[in-house]
Amino acid sequence: MKWHRLTTDGRFKRDLAWSPQGDMLYFGLQQTPELLAIHQLELASGEISRWHPQQNTSEFEPAFSADGRFAAWVQSRANLQLKLVIAPPNGTETAVFDPGGGFAGLRHPTWHPAGTQVCFSLPTGGGQQLITIDPQAKNRRDLTATAGINTHPAYSPSGDRLAFTSTRDGDYELYVMQADGTNPRRLTQSPGMDLRPTWSPDGGRIAFVTNREGNYDVWVMEADGANPRNLTNHPERDDFPAWHPTDNRLACISVREGRHDVWLLELD
């Protein structure tokens, strides 16, 4: 496995996402102490620029439909108000899902590969649940209804399955279910936290972050949960894995000597 460092500024970063073509990486960058802004990194040139330079509120967790028609991201519009914005990747806002005041936990959008719906995590009276809406921010459908937290949804490349994190059994573990919310099955059985699943392009493997060995590292396993192994295995934190949409490369945000940067791993 080869490592390539893509940024060198060392500033706090989070929430990696690939463009549908795999030529751009998007991530949240702590622009100021009060502002988290989405930036884009062109893989070929290494050029980094702010995605929405005129925006004066925090934005994070970008996600893109596989056909390139839609983007979705979380935007902070007021105190304790996080809203989901839907728009063409380089266009103006077309729809907003507004859960109302106090719903600060609206998080982690992911697009179905067909671009027909976006799934995200939303706090409700019975816990944190996974819901879907269409590109017009309508036709809400609840996929989970369990106690605890359900979060970090990730559609498989074929769109028939959804991997996610849940505390329904008392610990942060990874699960997979059908895209319609049926037949949930637990994939991991470990102490600590298993988070942020991301699928390989062929749907055969899932990368994720876990602190099961005491430190946050990026691991990979078969899509059925078999053969988990530590990819990064470093004493500092490795997090926010994002699998390239077409090949065997995996981006992550790694801390080295206290500095947060984007790295690209060429997997064996």
C-alpha atoms as a PDB file:
ATOM      1  CA  MET A   1       0.000   0.000   0.000  1.00  0.00           C
ATOM      2  CA  LYS A   2       1.305   3.445  -0.958  1.00  0.00           C
ATOM      3  CA  TRP A   3       0.500   6.725   0.790  1.00  0.00           C
ATOM      4  CA  HIS A   4       0.285  10.095  -0.996  1.00  0.00           C
ATOM      5  CA  ARG A   5      -0.120  13.342   0.923  1.00  0.00           C
ATOM      6  CA  LEU A   6      -2.546  15.667  -0.895  1.00  0.00           C
ATOM      7  CA  THR A   7      -2.560  18.680   1.461  1.00  0.00           C
ATOM      8  CA  THR A   8       0.191  20.179   3.607  1.00  0.00           C
ATOM      9  CA  ASP A   9      -1.416  23.100   5.447  1.00  0.00           C
ATOM     10  CA  GLY A  10      -2.208  20.999   8.535  1.00  0.00           C
ATOM     11  CA  ARG A  11      -5.458  22.807   9.370  1.00  0.00           C
ATOM     12  CA  PHE A  12      -8.451  20.942  10.809  1.00  0.00           C
ATOM     13  CA  LYS A  13     -10.357  19.012   8.137  1.00  0.00           C
ATOM     14  CA  ARG A  14     -13.291  16.599   8.025  1.00  0.00           C
ATOM     15  CA  ASP A  15     -15.963  15.013   5.789  1.00  0.00           C
ATOM     16  CA  LEU A  16     -14.276  13.746   2.618  1.00  0.00           C
ATOM     17  CA  ALA A  17     -16.312  13.164  -0.550  1.00  0.00           C
ATOM     18  CA  TRP A  18     -15.329  12.348  -4.138  1.00  0.00           C
ATOM     19  CA  SER A  19     -16.811  13.958  -7.223  1.00  0.00           C
ATOM     20  CA  PRO A  20     -18.704  11.426  -9.373  1.00  0.00           C
ATOM     21  CA  GLN A  21     -15.834  11.363 -11.902  1.00  0.00           C
ATOM     22  CA  GLY A  22     -13.223  10.848  -9.177  1.00  0.00           C
ATOM     23  CA  ASP A  23     -11.174  13.865 -10.281  1.00  0.00           C
ATOM     24  CA  MET A  24     -12.037  16.099  -7.298  1.00  0.00           C
ATOM     25  CA  LEU A  25     -12.083  15.677  -3.526  1.00  0.00           C
ATOM     26  CA  TYR A  26     -14.303  17.782  -1.299  1.00  0.00           C
ATOM     27  CA  PHE A  27     -13.774  18.314   2.415  1.00  0.00           C
ATOM     28  CA  GLY A  28     -14.669  20.611   5.268  1.00  0.00           C
ATOM     29  CA  LEU A  29     -11.902  23.010   6.311  1.00  0.00           C
ATOM     30  CA  GLN A  30     -11.863  25.151   9.442  1.00  0.00           C
ATOM     31  CA  GLN A  31     -11.600  28.498   7.653  1.00  0.00           C
ATOM     32  CA  THR A  32     -11.875  30.543  10.864  1.00  0.00           C
ATOM     33  CA  PRO A  33     -12.683  29.588  14.467  1.00  0.00           C
ATOM     34  CA  GLU A  34     -16.355  30.250  13.650  1.00  0.00           C
ATOM     35  CA  LEU A  35     -16.559  29.060  10.034  1.00  0.00           C
ATOM     36  CA  LEU A  36     -16.307  25.549   8.596  1.00  0.00           C
ATOM     37  CA  ALA A  37     -16.239  25.785   4.789  1.00  0.00           C
ATOM     38  CA  ILE A  38     -16.318  23.123   2.074  1.00  0.00           C
ATOM     39  CA  HIS A  39     -13.223  23.135  -0.141  1.00  0.00           C
ATOM     40  CA  GLN A  40     -12.475  21.296  -3.373  1.00  0.00           C
ATOM     41  CA  LEU A  41      -9.155  19.739  -4.332  1.00  0.00           C
ATOM     42  CA  GLU A  42      -8.376  19.001  -7.979  1.00  0.00           C
ATOM     43  CA  LEU A  43      -6.487  15.723  -8.010  1.00  0.00           C
ATOM     44  CA  ALA A  44      -4.470  16.369 -11.183  1.00  0.00           C
ATOM     45  CA  SER A  45      -3.125  19.804 -10.236  1.00  0.00           C
ATOM     46  CA  GLY A  46      -3.393  19.761  -6.448  1.00  0.00           C
ATOM     47  CA  GLU A  47      -5.200  23.114  -6.595  1.00  0.00           C
ATOM     48  CA  ILE A  48      -7.478  23.814  -3.625  1.00  0.00           C
ATOM     49  CA  SER A  49     -10.301  26.357  -3.645  1.00  0.00           C
ATOM     50  CA  ARG A  50     -13.373  27.131  -1.602  1.00  0.00           C
ATOM     51  CA  TRP A  51     -16.519  25.598  -3.099  1.00  0.00           C
ATOM     52  CA  HIS A  52     -18.913  28.413  -2.095  1.00  0.00           C
ATOM     53  CA  PRO A  53     -16.671  31.443  -1.543  1.00  0.00           C
ATOM     54  CA  GLN A  54     -19.562  33.849  -0.930  1.00  0.00           C
ATOM     55  CA  GLN A  55     -21.181  31.772   1.819  1.00  0.00           C
ATOM     56  CA  ASN A  56     -20.900  33.271   5.315  1.00  0.00           C
ATOM     57  CA  THR A  57     -22.314  30.359   7.328  1.00  0.00           C
ATOM     58  CA  SER A  58     -20.764  26.974   8.016  1.00  0.00           C
ATOM     59  CA  GLU A  59     -21.244  24.173   5.480  1.00  0.00           C
ATOM     60  CA  PHE A  60     -20.059  20.598   5.709  1.00  0.00           C
ATOM     61  CA  GLU A  61     -20.662  16.947   4.758  1.00  0.00           C
ATOM     62  CA  PRO A  62     -21.007  17.256   0.958  1.00  0.00           C
ATOM     63  CA  ALA A  63     -22.404  14.348  -1.047  1.00  0.00           C
ATOM     64  CA  PHE A  64     -22.864  13.877  -4.802  1.00  0.00           C
ATOM     65  CA  SER A  65     -25.162  11.725  -6.891  1.00  0.00           C
ATOM     66  CA  ALA A  66     -23.316   9.261  -9.109  1.00  0.00           C
ATOM     67  CA  ASP A  67     -24.757  10.792 -12.281  1.00  0.00           C
ATOM     68  CA  GLY A  68     -23.458  14.230 -11.328  1.00  0.00           C
ATOM     69  CA  ARG A  69     -26.880  15.918 -11.362  1.00  0.00           C
ATOM     70  CA  PHE A  70     -27.145  16.687  -7.653  1.00  0.00           C
ATOM     71  CA  ALA A  71     -25.145  17.657  -4.620  1.00  0.00           C
ATOM     72  CA  ALA A  72     -26.356  17.810  -1.036  1.00  0.00           C
ATOM     73  CA  TRP A  73     -24.696  19.269   2.024  1.00  0.00           C
ATOM     74  CA  VAL A  74     -25.453  20.372   5.566  1.00  0.00           C
ATOM     75  CA  GLN A  75     -25.646  24.102   6.194  1.00  0.00           C
ATOM     76  CA  SER A  76     -25.850  25.990   9.473  1.00  0.00           C
ATOM     77  CA  ARG A  77     -28.397  28.774   9.069  1.00  0.00           C
ATOM     78  CA  ALA A  78     -29.040  29.788  12.679  1.00  0.00           C
ATOM     79  CA  ASN A  79     -28.275  28.693  16.212  1.00  0.00           C
ATOM     80  CA  LEU A  80     -29.064  24.963  16.502  1.00  0.00           C
ATOM     81  CA  GLN A  81     -30.492  24.912  12.971  1.00  0.00           C
ATOM     82  CA  LEU A  82     -28.855  22.584  10.480  1.00  0.00           C
ATOM     83  CA  LYS A  83     -30.568  22.287   7.124  1.00  0.00           C
ATOM     84  CA  LEU A  84     -29.964  20.042   4.137  1.00  0.00           C
ATOM     85  CA  VAL A  85     -29.366  21.932   0.889  1.00  0.00           C
ATOM     86  CA  ILE A  86     -29.838  20.259  -2.518  1.00  0.00           C
ATOM     87  CA  ALA A  87     -28.527  21.786  -5.736  1.00  0.00           C
ATOM     88  CA  PRO A  88     -26.619  20.991  -8.920  1.00  0.00           C
ATOM     89  CA  PRO A  89     -22.915  20.680  -7.970  1.00  0.00           C
ATOM     90  CA  ASN A  90     -22.047  24.060  -9.491  1.00  0.00           C
ATOM     91  CA  GLY A  91     -25.492  25.617  -9.512  1.00  0.00           C
ATOM     92  CA  THR A  92     -27.805  27.494  -7.227  1.00  0.00           C
ATOM     93  CA  GLU A  93     -29.871  26.082  -4.395  1.00  0.00           C
ATOM     94  CA  THR A  94     -32.938  24.217  -5.636  1.00  0.00           C
ATOM     95  CA  ALA A  95     -34.386  22.631  -2.489  1.00  0.00           C
ATOM     96  CA  VAL A  96     -33.935  22.731   1.277  1.00  0.00           C
ATOM     97  CA  PHE A  97     -34.988  20.214   3.881  1.00  0.00           C
ATOM     98  CA  ASP A  98     -35.629  22.170   7.090  1.00  0.00           C
ATOM     99  CA  PRO A  99     -36.382  20.020  10.149  1.00  0.00           C
ATOM    100  CA  GLY A 100     -37.144  23.059  12.305  1.00  0.00           C
ATOM    101  CA  GLY A 101     -35.371  24.719  15.193  1.00  0.00           C
ATOM    102  CA  GLY A 102     -33.362  22.619  17.607  1.00  0.00           C
ATOM    103  CA  PHE A 103     -32.669  19.766  15.189  1.00  0.00           C
ATOM    104  CA  ALA A 104     -28.904  20.178  15.312  1.00  0.00           C
ATOM    105  CA  GLY A 105     -28.280  16.529  14.546  1.00  0.00           C
ATOM    106  CA  LEU A 106     -29.336  16.491  10.865  1.00  0.00           C
ATOM    107  CA  ARG A 107     -26.232  14.897   9.408  1.00  0.00           C
ATOM    108  CA  HIS A 108     -24.428  12.696   6.897  1.00  0.00           C
ATOM    109  CA  PRO A 109     -26.280  12.848   3.551  1.00  0.00           C
ATOM    110  CA  THR A 110     -25.644  10.143   0.954  1.00  0.00           C
ATOM    111  CA  TRP A 111     -27.176   9.846  -2.517  1.00  0.00           C
ATOM    112  CA  HIS A 112     -28.713   6.759  -4.005  1.00  0.00           C
ATOM    113  CA  PRO A 113     -26.635   5.919  -7.120  1.00  0.00           C
ATOM    114  CA  ALA A 114     -29.656   6.601  -9.350  1.00  0.00           C
ATOM    115  CA  GLY A 115     -29.975  10.121  -7.950  1.00  0.00           C
ATOM    116  CA  THR A 116     -33.602   9.491  -6.985  1.00  0.00           C
ATOM    117  CA  GLN A 117     -33.232  10.040  -3.245  1.00  0.00           C
ATOM    118  CA  VAL A 118     -30.854  11.232  -0.582  1.00  0.00           C
ATOM    119  CA  CYS A 119     -30.594   9.498   2.777  1.00  0.00           C
ATOM    120  CA  PHE A 120     -29.447  11.185   5.997  1.00  0.00           C
ATOM    121  CA  SER A 121     -29.642  10.958   9.770  1.00  0.00           C
ATOM    122  CA  LEU A 122     -32.269  12.965  11.639  1.00  0.00           C
ATOM    123  CA  PRO A 123     -33.083  13.161  15.363  1.00  0.00           C
ATOM    124  CA  THR A 124     -36.633  12.216  16.238  1.00  0.00           C
ATOM    125  CA  GLY A 125     -38.556  11.623  19.435  1.00  0.00           C
ATOM    126  CA  GLY A 126     -37.508   7.984  19.437  1.00  0.00           C
ATOM    127  CA  GLY A 127     -33.807   8.397  18.644  1.00  0.00           C
ATOM    128  CA  GLN A 128     -31.688   9.322  15.652  1.00  0.00           C
ATOM    129  CA  GLN A 129     -33.167   7.756  12.528  1.00  0.00           C
ATOM    130  CA  LEU A 130     -32.327   7.353   8.840  1.00  0.00           C
ATOM    131  CA  ILE A 131     -34.756   8.983   6.416  1.00  0.00           C
ATOM    132  CA  THR A 132     -34.873   9.601   2.678  1.00  0.00           C
ATOM    133  CA  ILE A 133     -36.232  12.476   0.608  1.00  0.00           C
ATOM    134  CA  ASP A 134     -36.301  13.112  -3.132  1.00  0.00           C
ATOM    135  CA  PRO A 135     -34.239  15.784  -4.942  1.00  0.00           C
ATOM    136  CA  GLN A 136     -37.042  18.286  -4.356  1.00  0.00           C
ATOM    137  CA  ALA A 137     -36.748  17.686  -0.574  1.00  0.00           C
ATOM    138  CA  LYS A 138     -40.157  15.994  -0.560  1.00  0.00           C
ATOM    139  CA  ASN A 139     -41.605  12.494  -0.119  1.00  0.00           C
ATOM    140  CA  ARG A 140     -39.968  11.760   3.213  1.00  0.00           C
ATOM    141  CA  ARG A 141     -39.663   8.105   4.136  1.00  0.00           C
ATOM    142  CA  ASP A 142     -38.332   6.742   7.429  1.00  0.00           C
ATOM    143  CA  LEU A 143     -36.021   3.734   7.024  1.00  0.00           C
ATOM    144  CA  THR A 144     -35.295   3.027  10.703  1.00  0.00           C
ATOM    145  CA  ALA A 145     -37.382   3.223  13.881  1.00  0.00           C
ATOM    146  CA  THR A 146     -35.118   1.864  16.621  1.00  0.00           C
ATOM    147  CA  ALA A 147     -33.892   3.182  19.928  1.00  0.00           C
ATOM    148  CA  GLY A 148     -30.501   4.855  19.954  1.00  0.00           C
ATOM    149  CA  ILE A 149     -28.545   6.412  17.093  1.00  0.00           C
ATOM    150  CA  ASN A 150     -28.672   5.426  13.435  1.00  0.00           C
ATOM    151  CA  THR A 151     -26.225   7.434  11.343  1.00  0.00           C
ATOM    152  CA  HIS A 152     -23.491   7.441   8.637  1.00  0.00           C
ATOM    153  CA  PRO A 153     -25.614   5.892   5.853  1.00  0.00           C
ATOM    154  CA  ALA A 154     -23.799   4.775   2.689  1.00  0.00           C
ATOM    155  CA  TYR A 155     -25.485   3.239  -0.362  1.00  0.00           C
ATOM    156  CA  SER A 156     -23.790   0.342  -2.092  1.00  0.00           C
ATOM    157  CA  PRO A 157     -22.694   1.062  -5.706  1.00  0.00           C
ATOM    158  CA  SER A 158     -25.629  -0.968  -7.024  1.00  0.00           C
ATOM    159  CA  GLY A 159     -28.034   0.934  -4.774  1.00  0.00           C
ATOM    160  CA  ASP A 160     -29.699  -2.166  -3.347  1.00  0.00           C
ATOM    161  CA  ARG A 161     -28.069  -1.998   0.115  1.00  0.00           C
ATOM    162  CA  LEU A 162     -27.386   0.635   2.724  1.00  0.00           C
ATOM    163  CA  ALA A 163     -24.544   0.376   5.238  1.00  0.00           C
ATOM    164  CA  PHE A 164     -24.797   2.483   8.393  1.00  0.00           C
ATOM    165  CA  THR A 165     -23.732   2.938  12.012  1.00  0.00           C
ATOM    166  CA  SER A 166     -26.144   2.144  14.822  1.00  0.00           C
ATOM    167  CA  THR A 167     -26.179   1.928  18.622  1.00  0.00           C
ATOM    168  CA  ARG A 168     -29.358  -0.173  18.666  1.00  0.00           C
ATOM    169  CA  ASP A 169     -27.528  -3.005  20.425  1.00  0.00           C
ATOM    170  CA  GLY A 170     -25.749  -0.756  22.934  1.00  0.00           C
ATOM    171  CA  ASP A 171     -22.513  -0.012  21.062  1.00  0.00           C
ATOM    172  CA  TYR A 172     -21.528   1.809  17.870  1.00  0.00           C
ATOM    173  CA  GLU A 173     -21.510  -1.012  15.299  1.00  0.00           C
ATOM    174  CA  LEU A 174     -21.863  -1.276  11.530  1.00  0.00           C
ATOM    175  CA  TYR A 175     -24.985  -2.730   9.937  1.00  0.00           C
ATOM    176  CA  VAL A 176     -26.288  -3.273   6.441  1.00  0.00           C
ATOM    177  CA  MET A 177     -29.894  -3.409   5.264  1.00  0.00           C
ATOM    178  CA  GLN A 178     -31.830  -3.326   2.030  1.00  0.00           C
ATOM    179  CA  ALA A 179     -32.195   0.138   0.559  1.00  0.00           C
ATOM    180  CA  ASP A 180     -35.855   0.179   1.580  1.00  0.00           C
ATOM    181  CA  GLY A 181     -34.935  -0.345   5.245  1.00  0.00           C
ATOM    182  CA  THR A 182     -35.767  -4.055   5.472  1.00  0.00           C
ATOM    183  CA  ASN A 183     -33.586  -6.957   6.661  1.00  0.00           C
ATOM    184  CA  PRO A 184     -31.018  -5.116   8.813  1.00  0.00           C
ATOM    185  CA  ARG A 185     -27.976  -7.230   9.690  1.00  0.00           C
ATOM    186  CA  ARG A 186     -25.072  -6.484  12.008  1.00  0.00           C
ATOM    187  CA  LEU A 187     -21.625  -6.577  10.370  1.00  0.00           C
ATOM    188  CA  THR A 188     -19.230  -5.811  13.253  1.00  0.00           C
ATOM    189  CA  GLN A 189     -18.864  -7.261  16.739  1.00  0.00           C
ATOM    190  CA  SER A 190     -16.244  -5.192  18.520  1.00  0.00           C
ATOM    191  CA  PRO A 191     -15.796  -2.957  21.544  1.00  0.00           C
ATOM    192  CA  GLY A 192     -15.433   0.740  20.864  1.00  0.00           C
ATOM    193  CA  MET A 193     -16.865   2.654  17.927  1.00  0.00           C
ATOM    194  CA  ASP A 194     -17.219   1.469  14.313  1.00  0.00           C
ATOM    195  CA  LEU A 195     -18.159   4.435  12.114  1.00  0.00           C
ATOM    196  CA  ARG A 196     -18.417   5.981   8.637  1.00  0.00           C
ATOM    197  CA  PRO A 197     -18.686   3.038   6.200  1.00  0.00           C
ATOM    198  CA  THR A 198     -17.685   3.569   2.563  1.00  0.00           C
ATOM    199  CA  TRP A 199     -18.076   0.961  -0.204  1.00  0.00           C
ATOM    200  CA  SER A 200     -15.520  -0.216  -2.740  1.00  0.00           C
ATOM    201  CA  PRO A 201     -16.601   0.453  -6.349  1.00  0.00           C
ATOM    202  CA  ASP A 202     -17.433  -3.220  -6.939  1.00  0.00           C
ATOM    203  CA  GLY A 203     -19.490  -3.446  -3.737  1.00  0.00           C
ATOM    204  CA  GLY A 204     -17.346  -6.261  -2.388  1.00  0.00           C
ATOM    205  CA  ARG A 205     -15.671  -4.427   0.510  1.00  0.00           C
ATOM    206  CA  ILE A 206     -16.428  -1.742   3.065  1.00  0.00           C
ATOM    207  CA  ALA A 207     -13.872   0.597   4.612  1.00  0.00           C
ATOM    208  CA  PHE A 208     -14.670   2.246   7.926  1.00  0.00           C
ATOM    209  CA  VAL A 209     -13.081   3.952  10.907  1.00  0.00           C
ATOM    210  CA  THR A 210     -12.847   2.288  14.302  1.00  0.00           C
ATOM    211  CA  ASN A 211     -11.144   2.733  17.658  1.00  0.00           C
ATOM    212  CA  ARG A 212     -11.454  -0.946  18.574  1.00  0.00           C
ATOM    213  CA  GLU A 213      -7.697  -1.117  19.251  1.00  0.00           C
ATOM    214  CA  GLY A 214      -7.645   2.124  21.236  1.00  0.00           C
ATOM    215  CA  ASN A 215      -6.884   4.547  18.398  1.00  0.00           C
ATOM    216  CA  TYR A 216      -8.957   5.688  15.424  1.00  0.00           C
ATOM    217  CA  ASP A 217      -7.732   3.867  12.316  1.00  0.00           C
ATOM    218  CA  VAL A 218      -9.191   3.079   8.912  1.00  0.00           C
ATOM    219  CA  TRP A 219     -10.068  -0.589   8.512  1.00  0.00           C
ATOM    220  CA  VAL A 220     -11.485  -2.621   5.643  1.00  0.00           C
ATOM    221  CA  MET A 221     -13.637  -5.761   5.615  1.00  0.00           C
ATOM    222  CA  GLU A 222     -15.635  -7.848   3.195  1.00  0.00           C
ATOM    223  CA  ALA A 223     -19.148  -6.555   2.549  1.00  0.00           C
ATOM    224  CA  ASP A 224     -20.528  -9.330   4.758  1.00  0.00           C
ATOM    225  CA  GLY A 225     -18.295  -8.283   7.682  1.00  0.00           C
ATOM    226  CA  ALA A 226     -15.668 -10.996   7.192  1.00  0.00           C
ATOM    227  CA  ASN A 227     -11.893 -10.516   7.357  1.00  0.00           C
ATOM    228  CA  PRO A 228     -11.592  -7.082   8.995  1.00  0.00           C
ATOM    229  CA  ARG A 229      -8.069  -5.658   8.915  1.00  0.00           C
ATOM    230  CA  ASN A 230      -6.353  -2.442   9.925  1.00  0.00           C
ATOM    231  CA  LEU A 231      -5.215  -0.414   6.913  1.00  0.00           C
ATOM    232  CA  THR A 232      -3.604   2.639   8.492  1.00  0.00           C
ATOM    233  CA  ASN A 233      -2.280   1.232  11.787  1.00  0.00           C
ATOM    234  CA  HIS A 234      -0.783   4.502  13.030  1.00  0.00           C
ATOM    235  CA  PRO A 235      -0.630   5.892  16.590  1.00  0.00           C
ATOM    236  CA  GLU A 236      -2.299   9.145  15.453  1.00  0.00           C
ATOM    237  CA  ARG A 237      -5.835   9.457  14.126  1.00  0.00           C
ATOM    238  CA  ASP A 238      -6.927   8.342  10.658  1.00  0.00           C
ATOM    239  CA  ASP A 239     -10.565   9.118   9.842  1.00  0.00           C
ATOM    240  CA  PHE A 240     -13.226  10.037   7.260  1.00  0.00           C
ATOM    241  CA  PRO A 241     -12.437   7.332   4.673  1.00  0.00           C
ATOM    242  CA  ALA A 242     -13.809   7.863   1.151  1.00  0.00           C
ATOM    243  CA  TRP A 243     -13.376   5.187  -1.512  1.00  0.00           C
ATOM    244  CA  HIS A 244     -12.645   6.400  -5.036  1.00  0.00           C
ATOM    245  CA  PRO A 245     -15.733   5.789  -7.223  1.00  0.00           C
ATOM    246  CA  THR A 246     -13.923   3.761  -9.904  1.00  0.00           C
ATOM    247  CA  ASP A 247     -10.658   2.297  -8.593  1.00  0.00           C
ATOM    248  CA  ASN A 248      -8.756   0.885  -5.632  1.00  0.00           C
ATOM    249  CA  ARG A 249      -7.778   4.161  -3.981  1.00  0.00           C
ATOM    250  CA  LEU A 250      -9.012   5.361  -0.634  1.00  0.00           C
ATOM    251  CA  ALA A 251      -8.792   8.925   0.655  1.00  0.00           C
ATOM    252  CA  CYS A 252      -8.756   9.734   4.356  1.00  0.00           C
ATOM    253  CA  ILE A 253      -7.933  12.564   6.732  1.00  0.00           C
ATOM    254  CA  SER A 254      -4.941  11.706   8.877  1.00  0.00           C
ATOM    255  CA  VAL A 255      -3.317  13.461  11.788  1.00  0.00           C
ATOM    256  CA  ARG A 256       0.479  13.444  11.679  1.00  0.00           C
ATOM    257  CA  GLU A 257       2.411  15.315  14.377  1.00  0.00           C
ATOM    258  CA  GLY A 258      -0.804  17.112  15.253  1.00  0.00           C
ATOM    259  CA  ARG A 259      -1.496  18.290  11.691  1.00  0.00           C
ATOM    260  CA  HIS A 260      -4.673  17.347   9.814  1.00  0.00           C
ATOM    261  CA  ASP A 261      -4.213  16.597   6.127  1.00  0.00           C
ATOM    262  CA  VAL A 262      -5.820  14.684   3.269  1.00  0.00           C
ATOM    263  CA  TRP A 263      -4.002  11.536   2.210  1.00  0.00           C
ATOM    264  CA  LEU A 264      -4.601   9.080  -0.634  1.00  0.00           C
ATOM    265  CA  LEU A 265      -3.960   5.368  -0.131  1.00  0.00           C
ATOM    266  CA  GLU A 266      -3.289   3.077  -3.071  1.00  0.00           C
ATOM    267  CA  LEU A 267      -4.565  -0.259  -1.819  1.00  0.00           C
ATOM    268  CA  ASP A 268      -2.901  -3.554  -2.709  1.00  0.00           C
END
